Amino acid sequence: MAARDQVRASHILIKHQGSRRKASWKDPEGKIIMSTTRDAAVEQLRSIRADIVSGKANFEEVAARVSDCSSAKRGGDLGPFGRGQMQKPFEEGTYSLKVGEISDIVDTDSGAHIIKRTA
């Protein structure tokens, strides 16, 4: 796939009871994930997003602390990817953003996300 057809994004993932895999690097046994409702995950992400958009918080720093994805170690950076490489709602959410924009809540089988398009 040509680089021009690819995007790059970072994200913050909050897993919840409806997530397909109920464990993460920060909750290996899934105890917190199994007790987190989708609504609670969304509420947490909305609050995080508001803090980032207002300048109170830095996306990459929050991702490193909060995200249930292993990409947290890279500030949420997923690297470049093209169409068909991510779950469809995530892909559509990323491609709909302009570079530098942050999505609203995006739901996938993995959980609830906010996405920042970086390229």
PDB file of N, CA and C in Angstrom:
ATOM      1  N   MET A   1       0.845  -1.180   0.000  1.00  0.00           N
ATOM      2  CA  MET A   1       0.000   0.000   0.000  1.00  0.00           C
ATOM      3  C   MET A   1       0.886   1.238   0.000  1.00  0.00           C
ATOM      4  N   ALA A   2       0.593   2.167  -0.852  1.00  0.00           N
ATOM      5  CA  ALA A   2       1.377   3.388  -0.953  1.00  0.00           C
ATOM      6  C   ALA A   2       1.210   4.219   0.315  1.00  0.00           C
ATOM      7  N   ALA A   3       2.287   4.879   0.724  1.00  0.00           N
ATOM      8  CA  ALA A   3       2.256   5.687   1.947  1.00  0.00           C
ATOM      9  C   ALA A   3       1.170   6.753   1.875  1.00  0.00           C
ATOM     10  N   ARG A   4       0.884   7.267   0.687  1.00  0.00           N
ATOM     11  CA  ARG A   4      -0.115   8.330   0.567  1.00  0.00           C
ATOM     12  C   ARG A   4      -1.530   7.830   0.869  1.00  0.00           C
ATOM     13  N   ASP A   5      -1.731   6.523   0.813  1.00  0.00           N
ATOM     14  CA  ASP A   5      -3.033   5.939   1.122  1.00  0.00           C
ATOM     15  C   ASP A   5      -3.160   5.588   2.599  1.00  0.00           C
ATOM     16  N   GLN A   6      -2.109   5.822   3.360  1.00  0.00           N
ATOM     17  CA  GLN A   6      -2.119   5.470   4.776  1.00  0.00           C
ATOM     18  C   GLN A   6      -2.365   6.690   5.651  1.00  0.00           C
ATOM     19  N   VAL A   7      -2.831   6.415   6.848  1.00  0.00           N
ATOM     20  CA  VAL A   7      -2.989   7.444   7.871  1.00  0.00           C
ATOM     21  C   VAL A   7      -2.151   7.006   9.065  1.00  0.00           C
ATOM     22  N   ARG A   8      -1.997   7.912  10.003  1.00  0.00           N
ATOM     23  CA  ARG A   8      -1.330   7.575  11.263  1.00  0.00           C
ATOM     24  C   ARG A   8      -2.190   8.147  12.372  1.00  0.00           C
ATOM     25  N   ALA A   9      -2.334   7.400  13.440  1.00  0.00           N
ATOM     26  CA  ALA A   9      -3.185   7.846  14.530  1.00  0.00           C
ATOM     27  C   ALA A   9      -2.674   7.344  15.865  1.00  0.00           C
ATOM     28  N   SER A  10      -3.083   8.062  16.891  1.00  0.00           N
ATOM     29  CA  SER A  10      -2.894   7.629  18.273  1.00  0.00           C
ATOM     30  C   SER A  10      -4.287   7.484  18.857  1.00  0.00           C
ATOM     31  N   HIS A  11      -4.395   6.671  19.888  1.00  0.00           N
ATOM     32  CA  HIS A  11      -5.719   6.520  20.491  1.00  0.00           C
ATOM     33  C   HIS A  11      -5.604   6.242  21.976  1.00  0.00           C
ATOM     34  N   ILE A  12      -6.730   6.435  22.633  1.00  0.00           N
ATOM     35  CA  ILE A  12      -6.885   6.052  24.024  1.00  0.00           C
ATOM     36  C   ILE A  12      -8.044   5.065  24.049  1.00  0.00           C
ATOM     37  N   LEU A  13      -7.780   3.866  24.533  1.00  0.00           N
ATOM     38  CA  LEU A  13      -8.769   2.787  24.601  1.00  0.00           C
ATOM     39  C   LEU A  13      -9.145   2.540  26.052  1.00  0.00           C
ATOM     40  N   ILE A  14     -10.446   2.524  26.304  1.00  0.00           N
ATOM     41  CA  ILE A  14     -10.949   2.090  27.601  1.00  0.00           C
ATOM     42  C   ILE A  14     -11.774   0.829  27.346  1.00  0.00           C
ATOM     43  N   LYS A  15     -11.296  -0.280  27.883  1.00  0.00           N
ATOM     44  CA  LYS A  15     -12.029  -1.538  27.745  1.00  0.00           C
ATOM     45  C   LYS A  15     -13.159  -1.570  28.768  1.00  0.00           C
ATOM     46  N   HIS A  16     -14.185  -2.364  28.464  1.00  0.00           N
ATOM     47  CA  HIS A  16     -15.349  -2.468  29.347  1.00  0.00           C
ATOM     48  C   HIS A  16     -15.937  -3.871  29.254  1.00  0.00           C
ATOM     49  N   GLN A  17     -17.038  -4.090  29.960  1.00  0.00           N
ATOM     50  CA  GLN A  17     -17.675  -5.413  30.023  1.00  0.00           C
ATOM     51  C   GLN A  17     -17.967  -6.000  28.649  1.00  0.00           C
ATOM     52  N   GLY A  18     -18.231  -5.162  27.670  1.00  0.00           N
ATOM     53  CA  GLY A  18     -18.565  -5.631  26.332  1.00  0.00           C
ATOM     54  C   GLY A  18     -17.365  -5.844  25.421  1.00  0.00           C
ATOM     55  N   SER A  19     -16.170  -5.571  25.911  1.00  0.00           N
ATOM     56  CA  SER A  19     -14.962  -5.752  25.103  1.00  0.00           C
ATOM     57  C   SER A  19     -14.713  -7.229  24.854  1.00  0.00           C
ATOM     58  N   ARG A  20     -14.214  -7.537  23.666  1.00  0.00           N
ATOM     59  CA  ARG A  20     -14.017  -8.951  23.329  1.00  0.00           C
ATOM     60  C   ARG A  20     -12.925  -9.604  24.171  1.00  0.00           C
ATOM     61  N   ARG A  21     -11.904  -8.864  24.523  1.00  0.00           N
ATOM     62  CA  ARG A  21     -10.822  -9.404  25.362  1.00  0.00           C
ATOM     63  C   ARG A  21     -10.779  -8.589  26.645  1.00  0.00           C
ATOM     64  N   LYS A  22     -11.095  -9.236  27.734  1.00  0.00           N
ATOM     65  CA  LYS A  22     -11.252  -8.521  28.996  1.00  0.00           C
ATOM     66  C   LYS A  22      -9.984  -8.536  29.845  1.00  0.00           C
ATOM     67  N   ALA A  23      -8.885  -8.189  29.218  1.00  0.00           N
ATOM     68  CA  ALA A  23      -7.612  -8.044  29.927  1.00  0.00           C
ATOM     69  C   ALA A  23      -6.783  -7.013  29.165  1.00  0.00           C
ATOM     70  N   SER A  24      -5.845  -6.408  29.859  1.00  0.00           N
ATOM     71  CA  SER A  24      -4.960  -5.439  29.210  1.00  0.00           C
ATOM     72  C   SER A  24      -3.642  -5.402  29.963  1.00  0.00           C
ATOM     73  N   TRP A  25      -2.705  -4.645  29.441  1.00  0.00           N
ATOM     74  CA  TRP A  25      -1.395  -4.530  30.075  1.00  0.00           C
ATOM     75  C   TRP A  25      -1.521  -3.975  31.488  1.00  0.00           C
ATOM     76  N   LYS A  26      -2.501  -3.124  31.732  1.00  0.00           N
ATOM     77  CA  LYS A  26      -2.634  -2.532  33.065  1.00  0.00           C
ATOM     78  C   LYS A  26      -3.656  -3.244  33.939  1.00  0.00           C
ATOM     79  N   ASP A  27      -4.381  -4.184  33.365  1.00  0.00           N
ATOM     80  CA  ASP A  27      -5.377  -4.975  34.107  1.00  0.00           C
ATOM     81  C   ASP A  27      -5.323  -6.418  33.587  1.00  0.00           C
ATOM     82  N   PRO A  28      -4.204  -7.117  33.837  1.00  0.00           N
ATOM     83  CA  PRO A  28      -3.992  -8.439  33.242  1.00  0.00           C
ATOM     84  C   PRO A  28      -5.069  -9.472  33.585  1.00  0.00           C
ATOM     85  N   GLU A  29      -5.670  -9.338  34.754  1.00  0.00           N
ATOM     86  CA  GLU A  29      -6.717 -10.285  35.141  1.00  0.00           C
ATOM     87  C   GLU A  29      -8.107  -9.812  34.732  1.00  0.00           C
ATOM     88  N   GLY A  30      -8.209  -8.578  34.268  1.00  0.00           N
ATOM     89  CA  GLY A  30      -9.480  -8.049  33.783  1.00  0.00           C
ATOM     90  C   GLY A  30     -10.484  -7.680  34.855  1.00  0.00           C
ATOM     91  N   LYS A  31     -10.039  -7.551  36.092  1.00  0.00           N
ATOM     92  CA  LYS A  31     -10.982  -7.248  37.180  1.00  0.00           C
ATOM     93  C   LYS A  31     -11.637  -5.880  37.017  1.00  0.00           C
ATOM     94  N   ILE A  32     -10.859  -4.875  36.662  1.00  0.00           N
ATOM     95  CA  ILE A  32     -11.414  -3.530  36.463  1.00  0.00           C
ATOM     96  C   ILE A  32     -12.264  -3.505  35.197  1.00  0.00           C
ATOM     97  N   ILE A  33     -11.753  -4.110  34.141  1.00  0.00           N
ATOM     98  CA  ILE A  33     -12.480  -4.136  32.863  1.00  0.00           C
ATOM     99  C   ILE A  33     -13.845  -4.791  33.026  1.00  0.00           C
ATOM    100  N   MET A  34     -13.898  -5.921  33.723  1.00  0.00           N
ATOM    101  CA  MET A  34     -15.164  -6.643  33.883  1.00  0.00           C
ATOM    102  C   MET A  34     -16.171  -5.883  34.738  1.00  0.00           C
ATOM    103  N   SER A  35     -15.691  -4.926  35.526  1.00  0.00           N
ATOM    104  CA  SER A  35     -16.621  -4.144  36.341  1.00  0.00           C
ATOM    105  C   SER A  35     -16.917  -2.769  35.729  1.00  0.00           C
ATOM    106  N   THR A  36     -16.334  -2.478  34.566  1.00  0.00           N
ATOM    107  CA  THR A  36     -16.554  -1.192  33.898  1.00  0.00           C
ATOM    108  C   THR A  36     -17.639  -1.341  32.842  1.00  0.00           C
ATOM    109  N   THR A  37     -18.703  -0.560  32.961  1.00  0.00           N
ATOM    110  CA  THR A  37     -19.762  -0.578  31.947  1.00  0.00           C
ATOM    111  C   THR A  37     -19.317   0.243  30.746  1.00  0.00           C
ATOM    112  N   ARG A  38     -19.962   0.034  29.619  1.00  0.00           N
ATOM    113  CA  ARG A  38     -19.662   0.842  28.440  1.00  0.00           C
ATOM    114  C   ARG A  38     -19.925   2.314  28.756  1.00  0.00           C
ATOM    115  N   ASP A  39     -21.046   2.591  29.433  1.00  0.00           N
ATOM    116  CA  ASP A  39     -21.377   3.977  29.765  1.00  0.00           C
ATOM    117  C   ASP A  39     -20.301   4.635  30.622  1.00  0.00           C
ATOM    118  N   ALA A  40     -19.745   3.887  31.570  1.00  0.00           N
ATOM    119  CA  ALA A  40     -18.678   4.431  32.417  1.00  0.00           C
ATOM    120  C   ALA A  40     -17.416   4.695  31.592  1.00  0.00           C
ATOM    121  N   ALA A  41     -17.103   3.793  30.664  1.00  0.00           N
ATOM    122  CA  ALA A  41     -15.940   3.988  29.793  1.00  0.00           C
ATOM    123  C   ALA A  41     -16.118   5.233  28.936  1.00  0.00           C
ATOM    124  N   VAL A  42     -17.321   5.402  28.383  1.00  0.00           N
ATOM    125  CA  VAL A  42     -17.614   6.563  27.535  1.00  0.00           C
ATOM    126  C   VAL A  42     -17.530   7.850  28.353  1.00  0.00           C
ATOM    127  N   GLU A  43     -18.084   7.825  29.548  1.00  0.00           N
ATOM    128  CA  GLU A  43     -18.036   9.011  30.413  1.00  0.00           C
ATOM    129  C   GLU A  43     -16.592   9.393  30.728  1.00  0.00           C
ATOM    130  N   GLN A  44     -15.768   8.398  31.028  1.00  0.00           N
ATOM    131  CA  GLN A  44     -14.357   8.657  31.307  1.00  0.00           C
ATOM    132  C   GLN A  44     -13.666   9.261  30.088  1.00  0.00           C
ATOM    133  N   LEU A  45     -13.922   8.705  28.909  1.00  0.00           N
ATOM    134  CA  LEU A  45     -13.298   9.223  27.686  1.00  0.00           C
ATOM    135  C   LEU A  45     -13.779  10.627  27.349  1.00  0.00           C
ATOM    136  N   ARG A  46     -15.050  10.902  27.567  1.00  0.00           N
ATOM    137  CA  ARG A  46     -15.561  12.265  27.293  1.00  0.00           C
ATOM    138  C   ARG A  46     -14.869  13.290  28.184  1.00  0.00           C
ATOM    139  N   SER A  47     -14.664  12.926  29.442  1.00  0.00           N
ATOM    140  CA  SER A  47     -13.973  13.817  30.371  1.00  0.00           C
ATOM    141  C   SER A  47     -12.514  14.017  29.942  1.00  0.00           C
ATOM    142  N   ILE A  48     -11.863  12.931  29.564  1.00  0.00           N
ATOM    143  CA  ILE A  48     -10.474  13.000  29.081  1.00  0.00           C
ATOM    144  C   ILE A  48     -10.396  13.871  27.836  1.00  0.00           C
ATOM    145  N   ARG A  49     -11.311  13.653  26.899  1.00  0.00           N
ATOM    146  CA  ARG A  49     -11.309  14.420  25.650  1.00  0.00           C
ATOM    147  C   ARG A  49     -11.478  15.913  25.940  1.00  0.00           C
ATOM    148  N   ALA A  50     -12.399  16.250  26.841  1.00  0.00           N
ATOM    149  CA  ALA A  50     -12.633  17.656  27.185  1.00  0.00           C
ATOM    150  C   ALA A  50     -11.361  18.279  27.766  1.00  0.00           C
ATOM    151  N   ASP A  51     -10.668  17.540  28.628  1.00  0.00           N
ATOM    152  CA  ASP A  51      -9.422  18.055  29.208  1.00  0.00           C
ATOM    153  C   ASP A  51      -8.348  18.256  28.143  1.00  0.00           C
ATOM    154  N   ILE A  52      -8.272  17.350  27.181  1.00  0.00           N
ATOM    155  CA  ILE A  52      -7.275  17.470  26.114  1.00  0.00           C
ATOM    156  C   ILE A  52      -7.609  18.655  25.205  1.00  0.00           C
ATOM    157  N   VAL A  53      -8.857  18.746  24.785  1.00  0.00           N
ATOM    158  CA  VAL A  53      -9.265  19.818  23.871  1.00  0.00           C
ATOM    159  C   VAL A  53      -9.097  21.197  24.529  1.00  0.00           C
ATOM    160  N   SER A  54      -9.343  21.273  25.846  1.00  0.00           N
ATOM    161  CA  SER A  54      -9.223  22.554  26.554  1.00  0.00           C
ATOM    162  C   SER A  54      -7.777  22.918  26.870  1.00  0.00           C
ATOM    163  N   GLY A  55      -6.850  21.964  26.664  1.00  0.00           N
ATOM    164  CA  GLY A  55      -5.451  22.224  26.950  1.00  0.00           C
ATOM    165  C   GLY A  55      -5.031  21.847  28.364  1.00  0.00           C
ATOM    166  N   LYS A  56      -5.944  21.313  29.163  1.00  0.00           N
ATOM    167  CA  LYS A  56      -5.614  20.902  30.535  1.00  0.00           C
ATOM    168  C   LYS A  56      -4.762  19.632  30.567  1.00  0.00           C
ATOM    169  N   ALA A  57      -4.844  18.845  29.493  1.00  0.00           N
ATOM    170  CA  ALA A  57      -4.119  17.573  29.458  1.00  0.00           C
ATOM    171  C   ALA A  57      -3.503  17.370  28.076  1.00  0.00           C
ATOM    172  N   ASN A  58      -2.470  16.553  28.028  1.00  0.00           N
ATOM    173  CA  ASN A  58      -1.773  16.220  26.796  1.00  0.00           C
ATOM    174  C   ASN A  58      -2.186  14.816  26.365  1.00  0.00           C
ATOM    175  N   PHE A  59      -2.603  14.658  25.105  1.00  0.00           N
ATOM    176  CA  PHE A  59      -3.116  13.386  24.605  1.00  0.00           C
ATOM    177  C   PHE A  59      -2.148  12.238  24.887  1.00  0.00           C
ATOM    178  N   GLU A  60      -0.896  12.416  24.499  1.00  0.00           N
ATOM    179  CA  GLU A  60       0.090  11.345  24.612  1.00  0.00           C
ATOM    180  C   GLU A  60       0.358  10.959  26.068  1.00  0.00           C
ATOM    181  N   GLU A  61       0.399  11.955  26.948  1.00  0.00           N
ATOM    182  CA  GLU A  61       0.636  11.667  28.365  1.00  0.00           C
ATOM    183  C   GLU A  61      -0.544  10.907  28.977  1.00  0.00           C
ATOM    184  N   VAL A  62      -1.759  11.318  28.612  1.00  0.00           N
ATOM    185  CA  VAL A  62      -2.949  10.628  29.124  1.00  0.00           C
ATOM    186  C   VAL A  62      -2.995   9.204  28.576  1.00  0.00           C
ATOM    187  N   ALA A  63      -2.711   9.048  27.288  1.00  0.00           N
ATOM    188  CA  ALA A  63      -2.720   7.712  26.681  1.00  0.00           C
ATOM    189  C   ALA A  63      -1.738   6.790  27.410  1.00  0.00           C
ATOM    190  N   ALA A  64      -0.572   7.299  27.730  1.00  0.00           N
ATOM    191  CA  ALA A  64       0.457   6.491  28.390  1.00  0.00           C
ATOM    192  C   ALA A  64       0.001   6.012  29.769  1.00  0.00           C
ATOM    193  N   ARG A  65      -0.822   6.794  30.433  1.00  0.00           N
ATOM    194  CA  ARG A  65      -1.296   6.442  31.770  1.00  0.00           C
ATOM    195  C   ARG A  65      -2.582   5.634  31.775  1.00  0.00           C
ATOM    196  N   VAL A  66      -3.485   5.924  30.832  1.00  0.00           N
ATOM    197  CA  VAL A  66      -4.869   5.461  30.941  1.00  0.00           C
ATOM    198  C   VAL A  66      -5.259   4.382  29.937  1.00  0.00           C
ATOM    199  N   SER A  67      -4.695   4.414  28.752  1.00  0.00           N
ATOM    200  CA  SER A  67      -5.156   3.523  27.688  1.00  0.00           C
ATOM    201  C   SER A  67      -4.932   2.058  28.015  1.00  0.00           C
ATOM    202  N   ASP A  68      -5.931   1.233  27.690  1.00  0.00           N
ATOM    203  CA  ASP A  68      -5.823  -0.213  27.875  1.00  0.00           C
ATOM    204  C   ASP A  68      -5.079  -0.888  26.730  1.00  0.00           C
ATOM    205  N   CYS A  69      -4.688  -0.152  25.706  1.00  0.00           N
ATOM    206  CA  CYS A  69      -3.954  -0.717  24.574  1.00  0.00           C
ATOM    207  C   CYS A  69      -2.458  -0.699  24.870  1.00  0.00           C
ATOM    208  N   SER A  70      -1.748  -1.689  24.364  1.00  0.00           N
ATOM    209  CA  SER A  70      -0.295  -1.716  24.560  1.00  0.00           C
ATOM    210  C   SER A  70       0.396  -0.533  23.882  1.00  0.00           C
ATOM    211  N   SER A  71      -0.302   0.143  22.956  1.00  0.00           N
ATOM    212  CA  SER A  71       0.266   1.345  22.337  1.00  0.00           C
ATOM    213  C   SER A  71       0.443   2.471  23.354  1.00  0.00           C
ATOM    214  N   ALA A  72      -0.088   2.302  24.547  1.00  0.00           N
ATOM    215  CA  ALA A  72       0.098   3.299  25.611  1.00  0.00           C
ATOM    216  C   ALA A  72       1.583   3.558  25.835  1.00  0.00           C
ATOM    217  N   LYS A  73       2.403   2.540  25.645  1.00  0.00           N
ATOM    218  CA  LYS A  73       3.855   2.681  25.836  1.00  0.00           C
ATOM    219  C   LYS A  73       4.464   3.671  24.851  1.00  0.00           C
ATOM    220  N   ARG A  74       3.717   3.947  23.760  1.00  0.00           N
ATOM    221  CA  ARG A  74       4.168   4.909  22.742  1.00  0.00           C
ATOM    222  C   ARG A  74       3.249   6.137  22.720  1.00  0.00           C
ATOM    223  N   GLY A  75       2.628   6.441  23.843  1.00  0.00           N
ATOM    224  CA  GLY A  75       1.717   7.588  23.904  1.00  0.00           C
ATOM    225  C   GLY A  75       0.455   7.368  23.087  1.00  0.00           C
ATOM    226  N   GLY A  76       0.119   6.115  22.844  1.00  0.00           N
ATOM    227  CA  GLY A  76      -1.085   5.782  22.070  1.00  0.00           C
ATOM    228  C   GLY A  76      -0.839   5.646  20.584  1.00  0.00           C
ATOM    229  N   ASP A  77       0.405   5.864  20.139  1.00  0.00           N
ATOM    230  CA  ASP A  77       0.720   5.846  18.704  1.00  0.00           C
ATOM    231  C   ASP A  77       0.592   4.444  18.121  1.00  0.00           C
ATOM    232  N   LEU A  78      -0.227   4.319  17.084  1.00  0.00           N
ATOM    233  CA  LEU A  78      -0.417   3.039  16.396  1.00  0.00           C
ATOM    234  C   LEU A  78       0.440   2.917  15.150  1.00  0.00           C
ATOM    235  N   GLY A  79       1.130   3.986  14.781  1.00  0.00           N
ATOM    236  CA  GLY A  79       1.920   3.968  13.557  1.00  0.00           C
ATOM    237  C   GLY A  79       1.023   4.092  12.334  1.00  0.00           C
ATOM    238  N   PRO A  80       1.613   4.039  11.148  1.00  0.00           N
ATOM    239  CA  PRO A  80       0.824   4.178   9.922  1.00  0.00           C
ATOM    240  C   PRO A  80       0.036   2.908   9.618  1.00  0.00           C
ATOM    241  N   PHE A  81      -1.161   3.102   9.048  1.00  0.00           N
ATOM    242  CA  PHE A  81      -1.974   1.965   8.622  1.00  0.00           C
ATOM    243  C   PHE A  81      -2.878   2.389   7.475  1.00  0.00           C
ATOM    244  N   GLY A  82      -3.314   1.402   6.744  1.00  0.00           N
ATOM    245  CA  GLY A  82      -4.191   1.653   5.604  1.00  0.00           C
ATOM    246  C   GLY A  82      -5.555   1.033   5.808  1.00  0.00           C
ATOM    247  N   ARG A  83      -6.384   1.188   4.807  1.00  0.00           N
ATOM    248  CA  ARG A  83      -7.740   0.640   4.869  1.00  0.00           C
ATOM    249  C   ARG A  83      -7.676  -0.883   4.981  1.00  0.00           C
ATOM    250  N   GLY A  84      -8.568  -1.417   5.788  1.00  0.00           N
ATOM    251  CA  GLY A  84      -8.655  -2.856   5.971  1.00  0.00           C
ATOM    252  C   GLY A  84      -7.738  -3.419   7.047  1.00  0.00           C
ATOM    253  N   GLN A  85      -6.952  -2.573   7.695  1.00  0.00           N
ATOM    254  CA  GLN A  85      -6.015  -3.058   8.706  1.00  0.00           C
ATOM    255  C   GLN A  85      -6.539  -2.924  10.135  1.00  0.00           C
ATOM    256  N   MET A  86      -7.548  -2.101  10.321  1.00  0.00           N
ATOM    257  CA  MET A  86      -8.127  -1.879  11.651  1.00  0.00           C
ATOM    258  C   MET A  86      -9.605  -2.265  11.599  1.00  0.00           C
ATOM    259  N   GLN A  87     -10.218  -2.384  12.770  1.00  0.00           N
ATOM    260  CA  GLN A  87     -11.652  -2.636  12.802  1.00  0.00           C
ATOM    261  C   GLN A  87     -12.366  -1.477  12.100  1.00  0.00           C
ATOM    262  N   LYS A  88     -13.414  -1.794  11.366  1.00  0.00           N
ATOM    263  CA  LYS A  88     -14.075  -0.828  10.482  1.00  0.00           C
ATOM    264  C   LYS A  88     -14.448   0.488  11.174  1.00  0.00           C
ATOM    265  N   PRO A  89     -15.089   0.471  12.352  1.00  0.00           N
ATOM    266  CA  PRO A  89     -15.433   1.763  12.974  1.00  0.00           C
ATOM    267  C   PRO A  89     -14.199   2.606  13.292  1.00  0.00           C
ATOM    268  N   PHE A  90     -13.106   1.944  13.686  1.00  0.00           N
ATOM    269  CA  PHE A  90     -11.864   2.661  13.997  1.00  0.00           C
ATOM    270  C   PHE A  90     -11.283   3.263  12.724  1.00  0.00           C
ATOM    271  N   GLU A  91     -11.244   2.472  11.670  1.00  0.00           N
ATOM    272  CA  GLU A  91     -10.739   2.940  10.381  1.00  0.00           C
ATOM    273  C   GLU A  91     -11.554   4.143   9.891  1.00  0.00           C
ATOM    274  N   GLU A  92     -12.867   3.998   9.887  1.00  0.00           N
ATOM    275  CA  GLU A  92     -13.731   5.085   9.414  1.00  0.00           C
ATOM    276  C   GLU A  92     -13.560   6.337  10.265  1.00  0.00           C
ATOM    277  N   GLY A  93     -13.466   6.146  11.582  1.00  0.00           N
ATOM    278  CA  GLY A  93     -13.265   7.285  12.473  1.00  0.00           C
ATOM    279  C   GLY A  93     -11.962   8.009  12.186  1.00  0.00           C
ATOM    280  N   THR A  94     -10.897   7.254  11.948  1.00  0.00           N
ATOM    281  CA  THR A  94      -9.592   7.857  11.686  1.00  0.00           C
ATOM    282  C   THR A  94      -9.577   8.575  10.341  1.00  0.00           C
ATOM    283  N   TYR A  95     -10.060   7.918   9.299  1.00  0.00           N
ATOM    284  CA  TYR A  95     -10.043   8.530   7.967  1.00  0.00           C
ATOM    285  C   TYR A  95     -10.949   9.762   7.888  1.00  0.00           C
ATOM    286  N   SER A  96     -11.945   9.876   8.761  1.00  0.00           N
ATOM    287  CA  SER A  96     -12.846  11.031   8.724  1.00  0.00           C
ATOM    288  C   SER A  96     -12.237  12.273   9.384  1.00  0.00           C
ATOM    289  N   LEU A  97     -11.157  12.074  10.131  1.00  0.00           N
ATOM    290  CA  LEU A  97     -10.508  13.188  10.829  1.00  0.00           C
ATOM    291  C   LEU A  97      -9.485  13.878   9.942  1.00  0.00           C
ATOM    292  N   LYS A  98      -9.279  15.163  10.192  1.00  0.00           N
ATOM    293  CA  LYS A  98      -8.149  15.888   9.612  1.00  0.00           C
ATOM    294  C   LYS A  98      -6.972  15.713  10.579  1.00  0.00           C
ATOM    295  N   VAL A  99      -5.768  15.849  10.074  1.00  0.00           N
ATOM    296  CA  VAL A  99      -4.584  15.737  10.920  1.00  0.00           C
ATOM    297  C   VAL A  99      -4.702  16.732  12.077  1.00  0.00           C
ATOM    298  N   GLY A 100      -4.479  16.224  13.286  1.00  0.00           N
ATOM    299  CA  GLY A 100      -4.558  17.049  14.491  1.00  0.00           C
ATOM    300  C   GLY A 100      -5.911  17.003  15.182  1.00  0.00           C
ATOM    301  N   GLU A 101      -6.944  16.524  14.503  1.00  0.00           N
ATOM    302  CA  GLU A 101      -8.274  16.446  15.114  1.00  0.00           C
ATOM    303  C   GLU A 101      -8.395  15.230  16.018  1.00  0.00           C
ATOM    304  N   ILE A 102      -9.286  15.352  16.993  1.00  0.00           N
ATOM    305  CA  ILE A 102      -9.573  14.262  17.931  1.00  0.00           C
ATOM    306  C   ILE A 102     -11.037  13.877  17.766  1.00  0.00           C
ATOM    307  N   SER A 103     -11.258  12.584  17.643  1.00  0.00           N
ATOM    308  CA  SER A 103     -12.611  12.076  17.422  1.00  0.00           C
ATOM    309  C   SER A 103     -13.475  12.193  18.667  1.00  0.00           C
ATOM    310  N   ASP A 104     -14.775  12.005  18.450  1.00  0.00           N
ATOM    311  CA  ASP A 104     -15.682  11.747  19.555  1.00  0.00           C
ATOM    312  C   ASP A 104     -15.469  10.265  19.899  1.00  0.00           C
ATOM    313  N   ILE A 105     -16.352   9.669  20.635  1.00  0.00           N
ATOM    314  CA  ILE A 105     -16.223   8.267  21.025  1.00  0.00           C
ATOM    315  C   ILE A 105     -16.388   7.365  19.806  1.00  0.00           C
ATOM    316  N   VAL A 106     -15.492   6.406  19.665  1.00  0.00           N
ATOM    317  CA  VAL A 106     -15.568   5.391  18.611  1.00  0.00           C
ATOM    318  C   VAL A 106     -15.640   4.036  19.305  1.00  0.00           C
ATOM    319  N   ASP A 107     -16.704   3.289  19.010  1.00  0.00           N
ATOM    320  CA  ASP A 107     -16.887   1.961  19.600  1.00  0.00           C
ATOM    321  C   ASP A 107     -16.407   0.885  18.649  1.00  0.00           C
ATOM    322  N   THR A 108     -15.629  -0.059  19.175  1.00  0.00           N
ATOM    323  CA  THR A 108     -15.222  -1.250  18.416  1.00  0.00           C
ATOM    324  C   THR A 108     -15.388  -2.456  19.330  1.00  0.00           C
ATOM    325  N   ASP A 109     -15.091  -3.634  18.802  1.00  0.00           N
ATOM    326  CA  ASP A 109     -15.129  -4.847  19.622  1.00  0.00           C
ATOM    327  C   ASP A 109     -14.103  -4.791  20.758  1.00  0.00           C
ATOM    328  N   SER A 110     -13.087  -3.957  20.601  1.00  0.00           N
ATOM    329  CA  SER A 110     -12.041  -3.842  21.623  1.00  0.00           C
ATOM    330  C   SER A 110     -12.483  -2.995  22.810  1.00  0.00           C
ATOM    331  N   GLY A 111     -13.386  -2.045  22.580  1.00  0.00           N
ATOM    332  CA  GLY A 111     -13.830  -1.138  23.633  1.00  0.00           C
ATOM    333  C   GLY A 111     -14.166   0.215  23.053  1.00  0.00           C
ATOM    334  N   ALA A 112     -14.082   1.238  23.913  1.00  0.00           N
ATOM    335  CA  ALA A 112     -14.379   2.609  23.502  1.00  0.00           C
ATOM    336  C   ALA A 112     -13.058   3.368  23.351  1.00  0.00           C
ATOM    337  N   HIS A 113     -12.981   4.180  22.299  1.00  0.00           N
ATOM    338  CA  HIS A 113     -11.748   4.897  21.972  1.00  0.00           C
ATOM    339  C   HIS A 113     -12.029   6.379  21.747  1.00  0.00           C
ATOM    340  N   ILE A 114     -10.990   7.182  21.925  1.00  0.00           N
ATOM    341  CA  ILE A 114     -10.897   8.469  21.240  1.00  0.00           C
ATOM    342  C   ILE A 114      -9.625   8.379  20.410  1.00  0.00           C
ATOM    343  N   ILE A 115      -9.695   8.961  19.221  1.00  0.00           N
ATOM    344  CA  ILE A 115      -8.608   8.843  18.249  1.00  0.00           C
ATOM    345  C   ILE A 115      -8.093  10.224  17.899  1.00  0.00           C
ATOM    346  N   LYS A 116      -6.791  10.348  17.808  1.00  0.00           N
ATOM    347  CA  LYS A 116      -6.152  11.573  17.323  1.00  0.00           C
ATOM    348  C   LYS A 116      -5.418  11.217  16.047  1.00  0.00           C
ATOM    349  N   ARG A 117      -5.831  11.849  14.950  1.00  0.00           N
ATOM    350  CA  ARG A 117      -5.118  11.609  13.692  1.00  0.00           C
ATOM    351  C   ARG A 117      -3.845  12.440  13.689  1.00  0.00           C
ATOM    352  N   THR A 118      -2.737  11.781  13.402  1.00  0.00           N
ATOM    353  CA  THR A 118      -1.442  12.459  13.449  1.00  0.00           C
ATOM    354  C   THR A 118      -0.784  12.604  12.069  1.00  0.00           C
ATOM    355  N   ALA A 119      -1.269  11.888  11.075  1.00  0.00           N
ATOM    356  CA  ALA A 119      -0.746  12.055   9.698  1.00  0.00           C
ATOM    357  C   ALA A 119      -1.738  11.458   8.718  1.00  0.00           C
TER     358      ALA A 119
END
